[in-house]
Each structure stands twice: as C-alpha cells, then as structure tokens.
PDB file of all heavy atoms in Angstrom:
ATOM      1  N   TRP A   1      94.637 -20.094-264.960  1.00  0.00           N
ATOM      2  CA  TRP A   1      95.392 -19.802-263.751  1.00  0.00           C
ATOM      3  C   TRP A   1      94.714 -18.749-262.874  1.00  0.00           C
ATOM      4  O   TRP A   1      94.836 -18.781-261.657  1.00  0.00           O
ATOM      5  CB  TRP A   1      96.796 -19.321-264.103  1.00  0.00           C
ATOM      6  CG  TRP A   1      97.647 -20.387-264.716  1.00  0.00           C
ATOM      7  CD1 TRP A   1      97.329 -21.704-264.862  1.00  0.00           C
ATOM      8  CD2 TRP A   1      98.949 -20.240-265.277  1.00  0.00           C
ATOM      9  NE1 TRP A   1      98.343 -22.395-265.489  1.00  0.00           N
ATOM     10  CE2 TRP A   1      99.357 -21.505-265.750  1.00  0.00           C
ATOM     11  CE3 TRP A   1      99.815 -19.163-265.439  1.00  0.00           C
ATOM     12  CZ2 TRP A   1     100.585 -21.721-266.362  1.00  0.00           C
ATOM     13  CZ3 TRP A   1     101.045 -19.377-266.046  1.00  0.00           C
ATOM     14  CH2 TRP A   1     101.421 -20.641-266.501  1.00  0.00           C
ATOM     15  N   CYS A   2      93.998 -17.794-263.462  1.00  0.00           N
ATOM     16  CA  CYS A   2      93.493 -16.666-262.669  1.00  0.00           C
ATOM     17  C   CYS A   2      92.160 -16.975-261.996  1.00  0.00           C
ATOM     18  O   CYS A   2      91.822 -16.360-260.989  1.00  0.00           O
ATOM     19  CB  CYS A   2      93.369 -15.413-263.537  1.00  0.00           C
ATOM     20  SG  CYS A   2      91.992 -15.450-264.714  1.00  0.00           S
ATOM     21  N   GLY A   3      91.378 -17.893-262.544  1.00  0.00           N
ATOM     22  CA  GLY A   3      90.121 -18.284-261.933  1.00  0.00           C
ATOM     23  C   GLY A   3      88.923 -17.449-262.303  1.00  0.00           C
ATOM     24  O   GLY A   3      87.805 -17.729-261.854  1.00  0.00           O
ATOM     25  N   HIS A   4      89.083 -16.420-263.128  1.00  0.00           N
ATOM     26  CA  HIS A   4      87.956 -15.555-263.467  1.00  0.00           C
ATOM     27  C   HIS A   4      86.831 -16.293-264.200  1.00  0.00           C
ATOM     28  O   HIS A   4      85.665 -15.940-264.059  1.00  0.00           O
ATOM     29  CB  HIS A   4      88.431 -14.374-264.330  1.00  0.00           C
ATOM     30  CG  HIS A   4      89.035 -13.262-263.541  1.00  0.00           C
ATOM     31  ND1 HIS A   4      90.356 -13.286-263.123  1.00  0.00           N
ATOM     32  CD2 HIS A   4      88.517 -12.087-263.084  1.00  0.00           C
ATOM     33  CE1 HIS A   4      90.615 -12.180-262.456  1.00  0.00           C
ATOM     34  NE2 HIS A   4      89.521 -11.441-262.399  1.00  0.00           N
ATOM     35  N   CYS A   5      87.183 -17.283-264.998  1.00  0.00           N
ATOM     36  CA  CYS A   5      86.173 -17.950-265.827  1.00  0.00           C
ATOM     37  C   CYS A   5      85.777 -19.301-265.276  1.00  0.00           C
ATOM     38  O   CYS A   5      85.277 -20.153-266.010  1.00  0.00           O
ATOM     39  CB  CYS A   5      86.689 -18.103-267.259  1.00  0.00           C
ATOM     40  SG  CYS A   5      88.102 -19.214-267.426  1.00  0.00           S
ATOM     41  N   GLN A   6      85.957 -19.517-263.958  1.00  0.00           N
ATOM     42  CA  GLN A   6      85.604 -20.811-263.389  1.00  0.00           C
ATOM     43  C   GLN A   6      84.118 -21.092-263.568  1.00  0.00           C
ATOM     44  O   GLN A   6      83.262 -20.229-263.347  1.00  0.00           O
ATOM     45  CB  GLN A   6      85.968 -20.870-261.909  1.00  0.00           C
ATOM     46  CG  GLN A   6      85.764 -22.261-261.320  1.00  0.00           C
ATOM     47  CD  GLN A   6      86.411 -22.417-259.962  1.00  0.00           C
ATOM     48  OE1 GLN A   6      87.012 -21.481-259.438  1.00  0.00           O
ATOM     49  NE2 GLN A   6      86.299 -23.593-259.379  1.00  0.00           N
ATOM     50  N   PHE A   7      83.817 -22.323-263.979  1.00  0.00           N
ATOM     51  CA  PHE A   7      82.448 -22.774-264.224  1.00  0.00           C
ATOM     52  C   PHE A   7      82.313 -24.132-263.555  1.00  0.00           C
ATOM     53  O   PHE A   7      82.598 -25.163-264.164  1.00  0.00           O
ATOM     54  CB  PHE A   7      82.204 -22.850-265.732  1.00  0.00           C
ATOM     55  CG  PHE A   7      80.788 -23.192-266.119  1.00  0.00           C
ATOM     56  CD1 PHE A   7      79.720 -22.416-265.711  1.00  0.00           C
ATOM     57  CD2 PHE A   7      80.530 -24.297-266.922  1.00  0.00           C
ATOM     58  CE1 PHE A   7      78.422 -22.737-266.079  1.00  0.00           C
ATOM     59  CE2 PHE A   7      79.236 -24.619-267.300  1.00  0.00           C
ATOM     60  CZ  PHE A   7      78.179 -23.829-266.868  1.00  0.00           C
ATOM     61  N   GLY A   8      81.929 -24.120-262.264  1.00  0.00           N
ATOM     62  CA  GLY A   8      81.963 -25.349-261.497  1.00  0.00           C
ATOM     63  C   GLY A   8      83.402 -25.813-261.364  1.00  0.00           C
ATOM     64  O   GLY A   8      84.291 -25.020-261.035  1.00  0.00           O
ATOM     65  N   PRO A   9      83.686 -27.090-261.651  1.00  0.00           N
ATOM     66  CA  PRO A   9      85.065 -27.573-261.552  1.00  0.00           C
ATOM     67  C   PRO A   9      85.919 -27.235-262.778  1.00  0.00           C
ATOM     68  O   PRO A   9      87.111 -27.524-262.784  1.00  0.00           O
ATOM     69  CB  PRO A   9      84.883 -29.091-261.438  1.00  0.00           C
ATOM     70  CG  PRO A   9      83.630 -29.356-262.217  1.00  0.00           C
ATOM     71  CD  PRO A   9      82.736 -28.172-261.974  1.00  0.00           C
ATOM     72  N   ALA A  10      85.324 -26.638-263.780  1.00  0.00           N
ATOM     73  CA  ALA A  10      86.029 -26.369-265.035  1.00  0.00           C
ATOM     74  C   ALA A  10      86.378 -24.894-265.159  1.00  0.00           C
ATOM     75  O   ALA A  10      85.865 -24.037-264.439  1.00  0.00           O
ATOM     76  CB  ALA A  10      85.178 -26.804-266.224  1.00  0.00           C
ATOM     77  N   PHE A  11      87.264 -24.616-266.107  1.00  0.00           N
ATOM     78  CA  PHE A  11      87.612 -23.252-266.482  1.00  0.00           C
ATOM     79  C   PHE A  11      87.303 -23.102-267.971  1.00  0.00           C
ATOM     80  O   PHE A  11      87.807 -23.862-268.788  1.00  0.00           O
ATOM     81  CB  PHE A  11      89.086 -22.953-266.198  1.00  0.00           C
ATOM     82  CG  PHE A  11      89.426 -22.983-264.731  1.00  0.00           C
ATOM     83  CD1 PHE A  11      89.878 -24.153-264.136  1.00  0.00           C
ATOM     84  CD2 PHE A  11      89.272 -21.859-263.945  1.00  0.00           C
ATOM     85  CE1 PHE A  11      90.175 -24.194-262.789  1.00  0.00           C
ATOM     86  CE2 PHE A  11      89.566 -21.885-262.592  1.00  0.00           C
ATOM     87  CZ  PHE A  11      90.015 -23.061-262.009  1.00  0.00           C
ATOM     88  N   VAL A  12      86.469 -22.128-268.292  1.00  0.00           N
ATOM     89  CA  VAL A  12      86.003 -21.994-269.668  1.00  0.00           C
ATOM     90  C   VAL A  12      87.164 -21.766-270.620  1.00  0.00           C
ATOM     91  O   VAL A  12      87.145 -22.260-271.751  1.00  0.00           O
ATOM     92  CB  VAL A  12      84.967 -20.856-269.775  1.00  0.00           C
ATOM     93  CG1 VAL A  12      84.610 -20.583-271.233  1.00  0.00           C
ATOM     94  CG2 VAL A  12      83.715 -21.218-268.996  1.00  0.00           C
ATOM     95  N   CYS A  13      88.198 -21.061-270.188  1.00  0.00           N
ATOM     96  CA  CYS A  13      89.294 -20.730-271.104  1.00  0.00           C
ATOM     97  C   CYS A  13      90.078 -21.951-271.556  1.00  0.00           C
ATOM     98  O   CYS A  13      90.606 -21.961-272.668  1.00  0.00           O
ATOM     99  CB  CYS A  13      90.225 -19.694-270.481  1.00  0.00           C
ATOM    100  SG  CYS A  13      91.146 -20.284-269.032  1.00  0.00           S
ATOM    101  N   LYS A  14      90.185 -22.976-270.703  1.00  0.00           N
ATOM    102  CA  LYS A  14      90.987 -24.140-271.097  1.00  0.00           C
ATOM    103  C   LYS A  14      90.146 -25.404-271.278  1.00  0.00           C
ATOM    104  O   LYS A  14      90.476 -26.253-272.080  1.00  0.00           O
ATOM    105  CB  LYS A  14      92.127 -24.395-270.104  1.00  0.00           C
ATOM    106  CG  LYS A  14      91.705 -24.882-268.737  1.00  0.00           C
ATOM    107  CD  LYS A  14      92.928 -25.079-267.844  1.00  0.00           C
ATOM    108  CE  LYS A  14      92.557 -25.693-266.502  1.00  0.00           C
ATOM    109  NZ  LYS A  14      92.095 -27.094-266.630  1.00  0.00           N
ATOM    110  N   ASP A  15      89.052 -25.532-270.528  1.00  0.00           N
ATOM    111  CA  ASP A  15      88.164 -26.683-270.692  1.00  0.00           C
ATOM    112  C   ASP A  15      87.069 -26.380-271.710  1.00  0.00           C
ATOM    113  O   ASP A  15      86.321 -27.260-272.119  1.00  0.00           O
ATOM    114  CB  ASP A  15      87.525 -27.057-269.354  1.00  0.00           C
ATOM    115  CG  ASP A  15      88.558 -27.408-268.305  1.00  0.00           C
ATOM    116  OD1 ASP A  15      89.416 -28.247-268.601  1.00  0.00           O
ATOM    117  OD2 ASP A  15      88.519 -26.822-267.208  1.00  0.00           O
ATOM    118  N   GLY A  16      86.949 -25.145-272.116  1.00  0.00           N
ATOM    119  CA  GLY A  16      86.021 -24.666-273.137  1.00  0.00           C
ATOM    120  C   GLY A  16      86.811 -23.815-274.110  1.00  0.00           C
ATOM    121  O   GLY A  16      88.025 -23.963-274.200  1.00  0.00           O
ATOM    122  N   PRO A  17      86.193 -22.911-274.840  1.00  0.00           N
ATOM    123  CA  PRO A  17      84.796 -22.540-274.664  1.00  0.00           C
ATOM    124  C   PRO A  17      83.790 -23.588-275.157  1.00  0.00           C
ATOM    125  O   PRO A  17      82.660 -23.598-274.718  1.00  0.00           O
ATOM    126  CB  PRO A  17      84.668 -21.244-275.470  1.00  0.00           C
ATOM    127  CG  PRO A  17      85.725 -21.361-276.528  1.00  0.00           C
ATOM    128  CD  PRO A  17      86.855 -22.082-275.873  1.00  0.00           C
ATOM    129  N   VAL A  18      84.219 -24.470-276.086  1.00  0.00           N
ATOM    130  CA  VAL A  18      83.298 -25.511-276.562  1.00  0.00           C
ATOM    131  C   VAL A  18      83.265 -26.638-275.531  1.00  0.00           C
ATOM    132  O   VAL A  18      84.294 -27.223-275.198  1.00  0.00           O
ATOM    133  CB  VAL A  18      83.739 -26.046-277.935  1.00  0.00           C
ATOM    134  CG1 VAL A  18      82.814 -27.181-278.376  1.00  0.00           C
ATOM    135  CG2 VAL A  18      83.749 -24.932-278.970  1.00  0.00           C
ATOM    136  N   MET A  19      82.066 -26.910-275.029  1.00  0.00           N
ATOM    137  CA  MET A  19      81.897 -27.940-274.002  1.00  0.00           C
ATOM    138  C   MET A  19      80.777 -28.882-274.399  1.00  0.00           C
ATOM    139  O   MET A  19      79.775 -28.455-274.990  1.00  0.00           O
ATOM    140  CB  MET A  19      81.577 -27.302-272.653  1.00  0.00           C
ATOM    141  CG  MET A  19      82.715 -26.481-272.056  1.00  0.00           C
ATOM    142  SD  MET A  19      82.252 -25.752-270.457  1.00  0.00           S
ATOM    143  CE  MET A  19      83.868 -25.362-269.788  1.00  0.00           C
ATOM    144  N   ARG A  20      80.949 -30.141-274.023  1.00  0.00           N
ATOM    145  CA  ARG A  20      79.901 -31.131-274.280  1.00  0.00           C
ATOM    146  C   ARG A  20      78.786 -30.924-273.271  1.00  0.00           C
ATOM    147  O   ARG A  20      79.036 -30.818-272.060  1.00  0.00           O
ATOM    148  CB  ARG A  20      80.478 -32.537-274.180  1.00  0.00           C
ATOM    149  CG  ARG A  20      79.939 -33.498-275.212  1.00  0.00           C
ATOM    150  CD  ARG A  20      80.676 -34.798-275.183  1.00  0.00           C
ATOM    151  NE  ARG A  20      80.395 -35.569-273.970  1.00  0.00           N
ATOM    152  CZ  ARG A  20      80.926 -36.750-273.714  1.00  0.00           C
ATOM    153  NH1 ARG A  20      81.772 -37.283-274.569  1.00  0.00           N
ATOM    154  NH2 ARG A  20      80.621 -37.387-272.599  1.00  0.00           N
ATOM    155  N   TYR A  21      77.548 -30.909-273.750  1.00  0.00           N
ATOM    156  CA  TYR A  21      76.435 -30.544-272.884  1.00  0.00           C
ATOM    157  C   TYR A  21      76.287 -31.477-271.690  1.00  0.00           C
ATOM    158  O   TYR A  21      76.027 -31.019-270.569  1.00  0.00           O
ATOM    159  CB  TYR A  21      75.132 -30.508-273.690  1.00  0.00           C
ATOM    160  CG  TYR A  21      73.931 -30.314-272.807  1.00  0.00           C
ATOM    161  CD1 TYR A  21      73.723 -29.112-272.140  1.00  0.00           C
ATOM    162  CD2 TYR A  21      73.013 -31.354-272.618  1.00  0.00           C
ATOM    163  CE1 TYR A  21      72.633 -28.942-271.305  1.00  0.00           C
ATOM    164  CE2 TYR A  21      71.923 -31.189-271.788  1.00  0.00           C
ATOM    165  CZ  TYR A  21      71.737 -29.985-271.134  1.00  0.00           C
ATOM    166  OH  TYR A  21      70.668 -29.813-270.300  1.00  0.00           O
ATOM    167  N   ASP A  22      76.453 -32.779-271.896  1.00  0.00           N
ATOM    168  CA  ASP A  22      76.230 -33.694-270.775  1.00  0.00           C
ATOM    169  C   ASP A  22      77.218 -33.474-269.643  1.00  0.00           C
ATOM    170  O   ASP A  22      76.928 -33.797-268.491  1.00  0.00           O
ATOM    171  CB  ASP A  22      76.281 -35.154-271.248  1.00  0.00           C
ATOM    172  CG  ASP A  22      77.653 -35.544-271.776  1.00  0.00           C
ATOM    173  OD1 ASP A  22      78.260 -34.751-272.519  1.00  0.00           O
ATOM    174  OD2 ASP A  22      78.123 -36.646-271.461  1.00  0.00           O
ATOM    175  N   ALA A  23      78.389 -32.886-269.954  1.00  0.00           N
ATOM    176  CA  ALA A  23      79.403 -32.649-268.924  1.00  0.00           C
ATOM    177  C   ALA A  23      79.080 -31.436-268.059  1.00  0.00           C
ATOM    178  O   ALA A  23      79.617 -31.312-266.954  1.00  0.00           O
ATOM    179  CB  ALA A  23      80.775 -32.468-269.572  1.00  0.00           C
ATOM    180  N   ILE A  24      78.207 -30.551-268.560  1.00  0.00           N
ATOM    181  CA  ILE A  24      77.911 -29.323-267.819  1.00  0.00           C
ATOM    182  C   ILE A  24      76.414 -29.135-267.586  1.00  0.00           C
ATOM    183  O   ILE A  24      75.989 -28.065-267.149  1.00  0.00           O
ATOM    184  CB  ILE A  24      78.468 -28.085-268.554  1.00  0.00           C
ATOM    185  CG1 ILE A  24      77.812 -27.944-269.934  1.00  0.00           C
ATOM    186  CG2 ILE A  24      79.978 -28.164-268.687  1.00  0.00           C
ATOM    187  CD1 ILE A  24      78.129 -26.633-270.632  1.00  0.00           C
ATOM    188  N   ALA A  25      75.618 -30.155-267.847  1.00  0.00           N
ATOM    189  CA  ALA A  25      74.158 -30.010-267.841  1.00  0.00           C
ATOM    190  C   ALA A  25      73.635 -29.462-266.528  1.00  0.00           C
ATOM    191  O   ALA A  25      72.751 -28.597-266.512  1.00  0.00           O
ATOM    192  CB  ALA A  25      73.504 -31.347-268.167  1.00  0.00           C
ATOM    193  N   ASP A  26      74.128 -29.943-265.402  1.00  0.00           N
ATOM    194  CA  ASP A  26      73.607 -29.520-264.100  1.00  0.00           C
ATOM    195  C   ASP A  26      73.818 -28.021-263.893  1.00  0.00           C
ATOM    196  O   ASP A  26      72.919 -27.306-263.444  1.00  0.00           O
ATOM    197  CB  ASP A  26      74.249 -30.314-262.964  1.00  0.00           C
ATOM    198  CG  ASP A  26      73.812 -31.773-262.949  1.00  0.00           C
ATOM    199  OD1 ASP A  26      72.792 -32.078-263.592  1.00  0.00           O
ATOM    200  OD2 ASP A  26      74.500 -32.587-262.326  1.00  0.00           O
ATOM    201  N   LEU A  27      75.019 -27.536-264.206  1.00  0.00           N
ATOM    202  CA  LEU A  27      75.311 -26.112-264.039  1.00  0.00           C
ATOM    203  C   LEU A  27      74.665 -25.274-265.121  1.00  0.00           C
ATOM    204  O   LEU A  27      74.205 -24.152-264.878  1.00  0.00           O
ATOM    205  CB  LEU A  27      76.827 -25.878-264.049  1.00  0.00           C
ATOM    206  CG  LEU A  27      77.601 -26.276-262.799  1.00  0.00           C
ATOM    207  CD1 LEU A  27      79.087 -26.142-263.039  1.00  0.00           C
ATOM    208  CD2 LEU A  27      77.185 -25.422-261.609  1.00  0.00           C
ATOM    209  N   PHE A  28      74.611 -25.810-266.333  1.00  0.00           N
ATOM    210  CA  PHE A  28      74.096 -25.065-267.459  1.00  0.00           C
ATOM    211  C   PHE A  28      72.615 -24.719-267.299  1.00  0.00           C
ATOM    212  O   PHE A  28      72.135 -23.719-267.832  1.00  0.00           O
ATOM    213  CB  PHE A  28      74.288 -25.871-268.746  1.00  0.00           C
ATOM    214  CG  PHE A  28      74.035 -25.104-270.017  1.00  0.00           C
ATOM    215  CD1 PHE A  28      74.903 -24.116-270.420  1.00  0.00           C
ATOM    216  CD2 PHE A  28      72.933 -25.373-270.800  1.00  0.00           C
ATOM    217  CE1 PHE A  28      74.677 -23.404-271.596  1.00  0.00           C
ATOM    218  CE2 PHE A  28      72.691 -24.678-271.979  1.00  0.00           C
ATOM    219  CZ  PHE A  28      73.568 -23.687-272.369  1.00  0.00           C
ATOM    220  N   SER A  29      71.914 -25.527-266.543  1.00  0.00           N
ATOM    221  CA  SER A  29      70.477 -25.299-266.351  1.00  0.00           C
ATOM    222  C   SER A  29      70.188 -24.191-265.355  1.00  0.00           C
ATOM    223  O   SER A  29      69.035 -23.787-265.184  1.00  0.00           O
ATOM    224  CB  SER A  29      69.800 -26.594-265.880  1.00  0.00           C
ATOM    225  OG  SER A  29      70.300 -26.988-264.627  1.00  0.00           O
ATOM    226  N   ILE A  30      71.238 -23.670-264.688  1.00  0.00           N
ATOM    227  CA  ILE A  30      71.056 -22.638-263.667  1.00  0.00           C
ATOM    228  C   ILE A  30      71.459 -21.291-264.274  1.00  0.00           C
ATOM    229  O   ILE A  30      72.632 -21.073-264.578  1.00  0.00           O
ATOM    230  CB  ILE A  30      71.913 -22.926-262.426  1.00  0.00           C
ATOM    231  CG1 ILE A  30      71.613 -24.312-261.873  1.00  0.00           C
ATOM    232  CG2 ILE A  30      71.667 -21.846-261.356  1.00  0.00           C
ATOM    233  CD1 ILE A  30      72.543 -24.735-260.743  1.00  0.00           C
ATOM    234  N   PRO A  31      70.517 -20.370-264.461  1.00  0.00           N
ATOM    235  CA  PRO A  31      70.849 -19.062-265.040  1.00  0.00           C
ATOM    236  C   PRO A  31      71.858 -18.308-264.177  1.00  0.00           C
ATOM    237  O   PRO A  31      71.836 -18.394-262.945  1.00  0.00           O
ATOM    238  CB  PRO A  31      69.501 -18.333-265.088  1.00  0.00           C
ATOM    239  CG  PRO A  31      68.473 -19.410-265.052  1.00  0.00           C
ATOM    240  CD  PRO A  31      69.061 -20.496-264.212  1.00  0.00           C
TER     241      PRO A  31
END
C-alpha cells in the first residue's frame, strides 16, 4: 500500500521477496 518497495510494476513486499527471474529480468539487469 505505501509504495516504498515498488520494483517496476511489482511490489517486493507482496509480489516478492521471492521472484521468478524471467518476470523481472529487464529490471534486474539494471543496478
């Protein structure tokens, strides 16, 4: 709800913390 952990279209707190790599590959490659 707060948006602090937004990671692209996802939120790490509810869509993660465990995420499938292919779903986040584009963002994950950007430091």
